[in-house]
Amino acid sequence: MDTVELIPDINAVGRGKALQLARDLQMAIAEYAPGAEVVADGKMYVSRYIRKMPGKNADAAWEKGFYCPKCPTCGQPNFTKDPVAGSGRECVSCHTPIKRLSWRKTLEPRMGFCAEKEARPVPMHRPEHDFKTDDYYIGDPHRNLIAKQIFEVNGQALQIESTSNDSLVVIGQTDYKVCPACGYASETGIPLEHKNSRGYRCVNKEGNSAEYRLSHDFKTDVAKITFVTQEAADINVMLSVLYALLEGLSREMGIERTDIKGCLFYTSVDGCMIFSVVLYDAVAGGAGHVRRIVTADGQAFQRVLAKAISVVDNCDCDSSCYRCLRNYYNQKIHDNLNRNQASAFLHQWVGNMNPLPMETIE
């Protein structure tokens, strides 16, 4: 059997399919990463290779990046495709320089993955997948600011802004040793004697490898909501708020739930670091979904807020379940989600949206 390609070459398709493949690549990093088990044609295959252009060396074959899991000063993850110089690079959140040694290399599998040539019998258990990926807002100096509104609600400040052509990144949380010659990838290391995806002995006889995490950065529409209160510094509370708002936005505005996603972003307000809620269109390039929450009178936000509160208040689970905050994609934080915490937080923001003077935006 020929090589099993787990995702098509994103560079070899027409423009009409490019955005869909970009979205597929976000999912592929989690579901088809090396080591994942995939059932096809009644057989099971194990993902093993990161595809590369034939004949190209390692530097020209893949898109590289740099990832800092945690800023030493504020804790915000950072990502860049620009080489990190010896003096480091400024944190996107607190703007403190992050030294070069804090950065790890990433690799973007734009051409997809290939499975091992040998098929295996389909097991009785469900195939294993690696869901260890995280989405991060990284901002973009060239993003388009569409609207920014600042309101006073019950004596507290609330800032909402919408942007297009803004940047996010999906980062895999697994370190892979990758063969530069054939793309063989494994968590444990590269065997001295291994085969390429075509079943022939790899020319890399010394077993040389480089270590990477998988990444995929993309541009889309974004809505960023900043609740100016010290309670927004609690990550578990804000994770619950994030997923409540996503459910509220989806149900109130008739948006397919899988078409919108979100993450938290550390923001400095009055010298304090709090979490902003970042909502974004899962479709690469954006579809205008999340931007609908930002209006001049703030009423769209209030409607979404009311629906989010309804979602968490009308559930009878202890903390969270699939009827309120949980879903397939946030499995690893199910234990952190609490509908009661989300409800208590969101109720504070129900009220009149009184506009405050606009701030200057770069």
Protein backbone atom coordinates (compact mmCIF):
# COMPACT_ATOMS: atom_id res chain seq x y z
CA MET A 1 0.00 0.00 0.00
CA ASP A 2 1.23 3.51 -0.76
CA THR A 3 2.00 6.02 1.96
CA VAL A 4 -1.03 6.95 4.05
CA GLU A 5 -1.31 10.74 4.12
CA LEU A 6 -3.20 11.92 7.19
CA ILE A 7 -3.76 15.45 5.90
CA PRO A 8 -3.23 16.83 2.35
CA ASP A 9 -0.42 19.12 1.33
CA ILE A 10 -1.71 22.61 2.18
CA ASN A 11 0.59 24.13 -0.46
CA ALA A 12 -0.71 21.95 -3.29
CA VAL A 13 -4.39 22.85 -3.27
CA GLY A 14 -6.37 25.65 -4.84
CA ARG A 15 -7.14 28.84 -2.97
CA GLY A 16 -10.73 27.72 -2.44
CA LYS A 17 -9.59 24.86 -0.22
CA ALA A 18 -6.72 26.60 1.53
CA LEU A 19 -8.74 28.02 4.44
CA GLN A 20 -10.40 24.68 5.15
CA LEU A 21 -7.01 22.95 5.21
CA ALA A 22 -5.69 25.64 7.54
CA ARG A 23 -8.53 24.81 9.91
CA ASP A 24 -7.85 21.10 9.44
CA LEU A 25 -4.24 21.68 10.41
CA GLN A 26 -5.36 23.08 13.77
CA MET A 27 -7.12 19.76 14.46
CA ALA A 28 -4.44 17.60 12.85
CA ILE A 29 -1.77 18.73 15.31
CA ALA A 30 -3.89 17.22 18.07
CA GLU A 31 -5.42 14.20 16.36
CA TYR A 32 -2.85 13.08 13.78
CA ALA A 33 0.43 13.97 15.50
CA PRO A 34 3.17 11.29 15.45
CA GLY A 35 2.16 8.35 17.61
CA ALA A 36 -1.59 8.82 17.05
CA GLU A 37 -3.56 5.76 15.97
CA VAL A 38 -5.79 6.19 12.91
CA VAL A 39 -8.27 3.70 11.44
CA ALA A 40 -8.53 3.69 7.62
CA ASP A 41 -9.79 1.04 5.17
CA GLY A 42 -10.56 -1.33 8.05
CA LYS A 43 -7.00 -1.24 9.34
CA MET A 44 -5.16 0.77 11.95
CA TYR A 45 -2.17 2.93 11.11
CA VAL A 46 0.16 4.79 13.43
CA SER A 47 1.13 8.33 12.49
CA ARG A 48 4.90 8.54 12.33
CA TYR A 49 6.25 11.04 9.79
CA ILE A 50 6.05 14.80 9.35
CA ARG A 51 5.95 15.29 5.60
CA LYS A 52 8.60 17.41 3.90
CA MET A 53 9.43 18.42 0.36
CA PRO A 54 11.44 15.68 -1.34
CA GLY A 55 15.10 16.56 -1.68
CA LYS A 56 14.89 19.58 0.60
CA ASN A 57 17.18 19.93 3.60
CA ALA A 58 15.80 20.40 7.09
CA ASP A 59 16.04 24.20 7.04
CA ALA A 60 14.07 24.51 3.80
CA ALA A 61 11.58 21.69 4.38
CA TRP A 62 9.53 23.02 7.28
CA GLU A 63 8.27 26.27 8.73
CA LYS A 64 10.01 26.89 12.07
CA GLY A 65 9.01 28.95 15.07
CA PHE A 66 9.91 29.67 18.68
CA TYR A 67 7.72 29.10 21.72
CA CYS A 68 8.12 30.18 25.35
CA PRO A 69 5.69 28.14 27.51
CA LYS A 70 5.68 30.72 30.28
CA CYS A 71 7.03 34.24 30.53
CA PRO A 72 9.25 34.33 33.65
CA THR A 73 7.65 37.63 34.66
CA CYS A 74 3.91 37.30 33.96
CA GLY A 75 3.40 33.68 32.93
CA GLN A 76 1.92 34.42 29.49
CA PRO A 77 2.95 31.91 26.76
CA ASN A 78 4.69 33.51 23.78
CA PHE A 79 5.27 32.52 20.16
CA THR A 80 7.16 34.03 17.25
CA LYS A 81 8.48 32.98 13.86
CA ASP A 82 11.28 35.52 14.03
CA PRO A 83 14.66 34.19 15.21
CA VAL A 84 15.25 34.89 18.90
CA ALA A 85 18.51 36.82 19.34
CA GLY A 86 20.91 36.34 22.20
CA SER A 87 19.35 39.12 24.27
CA GLY A 88 15.90 37.49 24.01
CA ARG A 89 12.56 38.82 22.84
CA GLU A 90 9.93 41.01 24.48
CA CYS A 91 6.89 39.32 26.06
CA VAL A 92 3.70 40.07 24.10
CA SER A 93 1.85 40.68 27.36
CA CYS A 94 4.08 42.36 29.99
CA HIS A 95 6.76 43.51 27.48
CA THR A 96 9.60 42.20 29.65
CA PRO A 97 12.46 40.64 27.64
CA ILE A 98 12.44 36.84 27.65
CA LYS A 99 15.95 35.41 27.42
CA ARG A 100 16.87 33.19 24.51
CA LEU A 101 17.28 30.05 26.62
CA SER A 102 13.60 30.20 27.63
CA TRP A 103 12.47 29.61 24.03
CA ARG A 104 11.85 26.20 22.43
CA LYS A 105 11.79 25.37 18.73
CA THR A 106 8.53 24.59 16.95
CA LEU A 107 7.75 23.06 13.60
CA GLU A 108 4.63 23.69 11.52
CA PRO A 109 3.54 20.53 9.63
CA ARG A 110 2.08 22.41 6.66
CA MET A 111 2.36 19.33 4.45
CA GLY A 112 0.67 17.08 6.98
CA PHE A 113 1.63 13.71 8.38
CA CYS A 114 2.24 10.20 7.05
CA ALA A 115 1.55 6.93 8.81
CA GLU A 116 3.84 3.94 9.17
CA LYS A 117 3.69 1.76 6.07
CA GLU A 118 2.77 -1.40 7.98
CA ALA A 119 -0.89 -1.62 8.97
CA ARG A 120 -2.07 -3.19 12.21
CA PRO A 121 -5.29 -4.99 13.14
CA VAL A 122 -8.00 -2.66 14.40
CA PRO A 123 -8.05 -2.99 18.21
CA MET A 124 -11.18 -3.44 20.27
CA HIS A 125 -10.46 -0.22 22.16
CA ARG A 126 -10.80 3.29 20.78
CA PRO A 127 -7.66 4.51 18.95
CA GLU A 128 -5.46 6.78 21.02
CA HIS A 129 -5.18 10.48 20.18
CA ASP A 130 -3.07 13.23 21.66
CA PHE A 131 -5.26 16.11 22.76
CA LYS A 132 -2.39 17.98 24.36
CA THR A 133 -2.65 21.21 22.40
CA ASP A 134 -3.31 24.76 23.51
CA ASP A 135 -4.46 27.86 21.65
CA TYR A 136 -2.82 31.19 22.42
CA TYR A 137 -3.55 34.73 21.33
CA ILE A 138 -0.31 36.26 20.08
CA GLY A 139 -1.63 39.50 18.59
CA ASP A 140 -0.50 41.05 15.36
CA PRO A 141 0.94 44.55 14.87
CA HIS A 142 -0.78 44.63 11.47
CA ARG A 143 -4.23 43.57 12.70
CA ASN A 144 -7.21 45.71 11.73
CA LEU A 145 -8.99 47.33 14.67
CA ILE A 146 -12.69 47.37 13.83
CA ALA A 147 -14.17 48.71 17.05
CA LYS A 148 -13.23 49.38 20.65
CA GLN A 149 -15.77 50.25 23.32
CA ILE A 150 -15.27 51.00 27.02
CA PHE A 151 -18.21 50.88 29.39
CA GLU A 152 -18.94 51.35 33.05
CA VAL A 153 -21.21 48.60 34.40
CA ASN A 154 -22.29 48.68 38.04
CA GLY A 155 -19.29 50.80 38.94
CA GLN A 156 -16.74 48.62 37.13
CA ALA A 157 -15.00 49.12 33.80
CA LEU A 158 -15.51 46.75 30.88
CA GLN A 159 -13.51 46.95 27.66
CA ILE A 160 -14.56 45.19 24.45
CA GLU A 161 -12.74 45.35 21.14
CA SER A 162 -12.95 43.54 17.82
CA THR A 163 -10.19 43.00 15.27
CA SER A 164 -9.71 41.23 11.97
CA ASN A 165 -6.53 39.71 10.54
CA ASP A 166 -5.43 39.03 14.12
CA SER A 167 -3.07 36.19 15.06
CA LEU A 168 -3.35 33.06 17.18
CA VAL A 169 -1.29 29.91 17.42
CA VAL A 170 -1.97 26.27 18.24
CA ILE A 171 0.91 24.64 20.14
CA GLY A 172 1.31 20.93 20.79
CA GLN A 173 2.52 20.16 24.29
CA THR A 174 4.59 17.11 23.28
CA ASP A 175 8.30 17.29 22.45
CA TYR A 176 9.23 15.25 19.37
CA LYS A 177 12.63 14.12 18.15
CA VAL A 178 12.46 14.60 14.36
CA CYS A 179 14.70 13.13 11.69
CA PRO A 180 15.79 15.96 9.36
CA ALA A 181 16.11 13.58 6.42
CA CYS A 182 12.75 11.78 6.33
CA GLY A 183 10.57 13.43 8.99
CA TYR A 184 10.39 10.35 11.25
CA ALA A 185 9.16 11.70 14.60
CA SER A 186 8.96 10.15 18.04
CA GLU A 187 8.76 11.25 21.67
CA THR A 188 11.45 8.76 22.68
CA GLY A 189 14.06 9.33 19.98
CA ILE A 190 15.13 8.33 16.45
CA PRO A 191 16.38 4.74 15.95
CA LEU A 192 19.80 4.44 14.33
CA GLU A 193 18.24 2.15 11.75
CA HIS A 194 14.84 3.40 10.61
CA LYS A 195 12.85 3.53 7.39
CA ASN A 196 11.39 6.52 5.61
CA SER A 197 7.69 6.84 4.80
CA ARG A 198 8.18 4.87 1.57
CA GLY A 199 9.58 1.88 3.43
CA TYR A 200 13.22 2.33 2.44
CA ARG A 201 16.18 2.78 4.78
CA CYS A 202 16.59 6.43 5.73
CA VAL A 203 19.83 8.09 4.60
CA ASN A 204 20.27 9.45 8.14
CA LYS A 205 22.29 6.50 9.42
CA GLU A 206 23.59 8.28 12.52
CA GLY A 207 20.13 8.85 13.94
CA ASN A 208 20.64 12.62 14.14
CA SER A 209 17.55 14.54 15.20
CA ALA A 210 16.28 17.90 16.39
CA GLU A 211 13.62 18.45 19.06
CA TYR A 212 10.45 20.37 18.23
CA ARG A 213 6.92 21.02 19.37
CA LEU A 214 4.26 21.19 16.68
CA SER A 215 2.69 24.57 15.95
CA HIS A 216 0.30 26.28 13.56
CA ASP A 217 -0.28 30.02 13.55
CA PHE A 218 -3.20 31.58 11.71
CA LYS A 219 -5.12 34.82 11.26
CA THR A 220 -8.80 35.27 12.02
CA ASP A 221 -11.44 37.59 13.55
CA VAL A 222 -11.09 38.25 17.27
CA ALA A 223 -13.16 39.81 20.05
CA LYS A 224 -11.28 40.62 23.27
CA ILE A 225 -13.22 41.26 26.47
CA THR A 226 -11.49 42.70 29.54
CA PHE A 227 -13.36 42.75 32.84
CA VAL A 228 -11.45 45.30 34.93
CA THR A 229 -11.70 43.60 38.31
CA GLN A 230 -9.22 41.73 40.49
CA GLU A 231 -11.43 38.63 40.27
CA ALA A 232 -10.31 38.35 36.64
CA ALA A 233 -6.86 37.33 37.90
CA ASP A 234 -8.19 33.88 38.91
CA ILE A 235 -7.47 31.54 35.99
CA ASN A 236 -10.05 28.91 36.95
CA VAL A 237 -12.81 31.49 37.30
CA MET A 238 -11.91 33.02 33.95
CA LEU A 239 -11.74 29.65 32.19
CA SER A 240 -15.30 29.02 33.36
CA VAL A 241 -16.31 32.52 32.23
CA LEU A 242 -14.67 31.93 28.84
CA TYR A 243 -16.66 28.78 28.08
CA ALA A 244 -19.88 30.26 29.43
CA LEU A 245 -19.51 33.21 27.05
CA LEU A 246 -18.74 30.91 24.12
CA GLU A 247 -21.90 28.94 24.81
CA GLY A 248 -23.87 32.16 25.23
CA LEU A 249 -22.56 33.65 21.99
CA SER A 250 -23.27 30.47 20.05
CA ARG A 251 -26.83 30.07 21.32
CA GLU A 252 -27.84 33.74 21.30
CA MET A 253 -26.59 34.51 17.81
CA GLY A 254 -27.20 31.16 16.15
CA ILE A 255 -23.52 30.40 15.51
CA GLU A 256 -22.39 26.80 15.16
CA ARG A 257 -20.50 26.08 18.37
CA THR A 258 -17.53 24.54 16.57
CA ASP A 259 -17.16 27.71 14.48
CA ILE A 260 -15.99 29.77 17.49
CA LYS A 261 -13.27 29.15 20.05
CA GLY A 262 -11.53 31.06 22.79
CA CYS A 263 -8.56 31.42 25.11
CA LEU A 264 -7.30 33.66 27.91
CA PHE A 265 -4.71 36.39 27.52
CA TYR A 266 -2.80 38.11 30.33
CA THR A 267 -3.45 41.86 30.25
CA SER A 268 -1.90 44.66 32.31
CA VAL A 269 -4.53 47.06 33.72
CA ASP A 270 -3.57 49.79 36.19
CA GLY A 271 -0.39 47.91 37.06
CA CYS A 272 -2.21 44.61 37.74
CA MET A 273 -2.18 41.51 35.55
CA ILE A 274 -5.62 40.04 34.82
CA PHE A 275 -6.99 37.65 32.21
CA SER A 276 -8.82 39.01 29.19
CA VAL A 277 -11.25 36.70 27.42
CA VAL A 278 -10.36 36.22 23.75
CA LEU A 279 -13.06 34.85 21.47
CA TYR A 280 -12.18 34.05 17.87
CA ASP A 281 -13.55 32.50 14.71
CA ALA A 282 -12.25 28.95 14.30
CA VAL A 283 -12.36 29.45 10.52
CA ALA A 284 -8.96 30.71 9.39
CA GLY A 285 -9.37 34.16 7.85
CA GLY A 286 -12.46 34.84 9.99
CA ALA A 287 -16.17 34.73 9.27
CA GLY A 288 -17.34 37.76 11.25
CA HIS A 289 -18.96 35.67 14.01
CA VAL A 290 -17.30 36.92 17.20
CA ARG A 291 -17.21 40.55 16.01
CA ARG A 292 -20.99 40.69 16.43
CA ILE A 293 -20.61 40.89 20.21
CA VAL A 294 -19.03 44.38 19.95
CA THR A 295 -21.57 47.18 19.41
CA ALA A 296 -21.61 50.88 20.22
CA ASP A 297 -24.43 50.53 22.77
CA GLY A 298 -23.17 47.30 24.35
CA GLN A 299 -26.55 45.60 23.99
CA ALA A 300 -25.21 42.67 21.96
CA PHE A 301 -22.84 41.88 24.81
CA GLN A 302 -25.69 42.08 27.34
CA ARG A 303 -27.77 39.61 25.30
CA VAL A 304 -24.85 37.18 25.08
CA LEU A 305 -24.20 37.68 28.80
CA ALA A 306 -27.82 36.87 29.65
CA LYS A 307 -27.72 33.70 27.55
CA ALA A 308 -24.40 32.64 29.13
CA ILE A 309 -25.90 33.09 32.60
CA SER A 310 -28.95 31.08 31.54
CA VAL A 311 -26.69 28.23 30.37
CA VAL A 312 -24.88 27.93 33.71
CA ASP A 313 -27.84 28.71 35.98
CA ASN A 314 -30.26 26.27 34.37
CA CYS A 315 -28.00 23.23 34.66
CA ASP A 316 -28.27 20.88 37.64
CA CYS A 317 -24.75 19.42 37.65
CA ASP A 318 -22.40 19.91 40.61
CA SER A 319 -19.67 21.88 38.83
CA SER A 320 -19.77 21.37 35.05
CA CYS A 321 -21.00 18.91 32.45
CA TYR A 322 -21.56 18.59 28.70
CA ARG A 323 -24.84 20.49 28.97
CA CYS A 324 -23.16 23.66 30.22
CA LEU A 325 -19.38 24.23 30.04
CA ARG A 326 -17.73 20.99 28.96
CA ASN A 327 -17.10 19.84 25.39
CA TYR A 328 -14.91 17.45 23.43
CA TYR A 329 -12.15 20.01 22.92
CA ASN A 330 -11.69 21.18 26.53
CA GLN A 331 -11.36 17.70 28.04
CA LYS A 332 -8.11 18.35 29.85
CA ILE A 333 -9.59 21.22 31.90
CA HIS A 334 -12.96 19.66 32.74
CA ASP A 335 -12.03 19.52 36.42
CA ASN A 336 -11.22 23.26 36.39
CA LEU A 337 -14.60 24.36 35.03
CA ASN A 338 -17.24 25.47 37.51
CA ARG A 339 -20.60 26.83 36.39
CA ASN A 340 -21.29 28.37 39.82
CA GLN A 341 -18.11 30.45 39.67
CA ALA A 342 -18.98 31.56 36.13
CA SER A 343 -22.49 32.52 37.22
CA ALA A 344 -21.33 34.54 40.24
CA PHE A 345 -18.80 36.43 38.12
CA LEU A 346 -21.10 37.15 35.16
CA HIS A 347 -24.04 38.34 37.27
CA GLN A 348 -21.92 41.32 38.34
CA TRP A 349 -21.89 42.61 34.75
CA VAL A 350 -25.62 42.61 34.09
CA GLY A 351 -26.83 46.19 33.91
CA ASN A 352 -26.68 49.45 32.01
CA MET A 353 -23.73 49.84 29.65
CA ASN A 354 -22.59 53.40 30.24
CA PRO A 355 -19.98 54.48 27.65
CA LEU A 356 -16.70 55.87 28.93
CA PRO A 357 -14.30 58.10 26.94
CA MET A 358 -12.38 56.20 24.30
CA GLU A 359 -8.69 55.57 24.74
CA THR A 360 -6.11 56.18 22.02
CA ILE A 361 -5.27 52.96 20.18
CA GLU A 362 -2.15 52.34 18.20
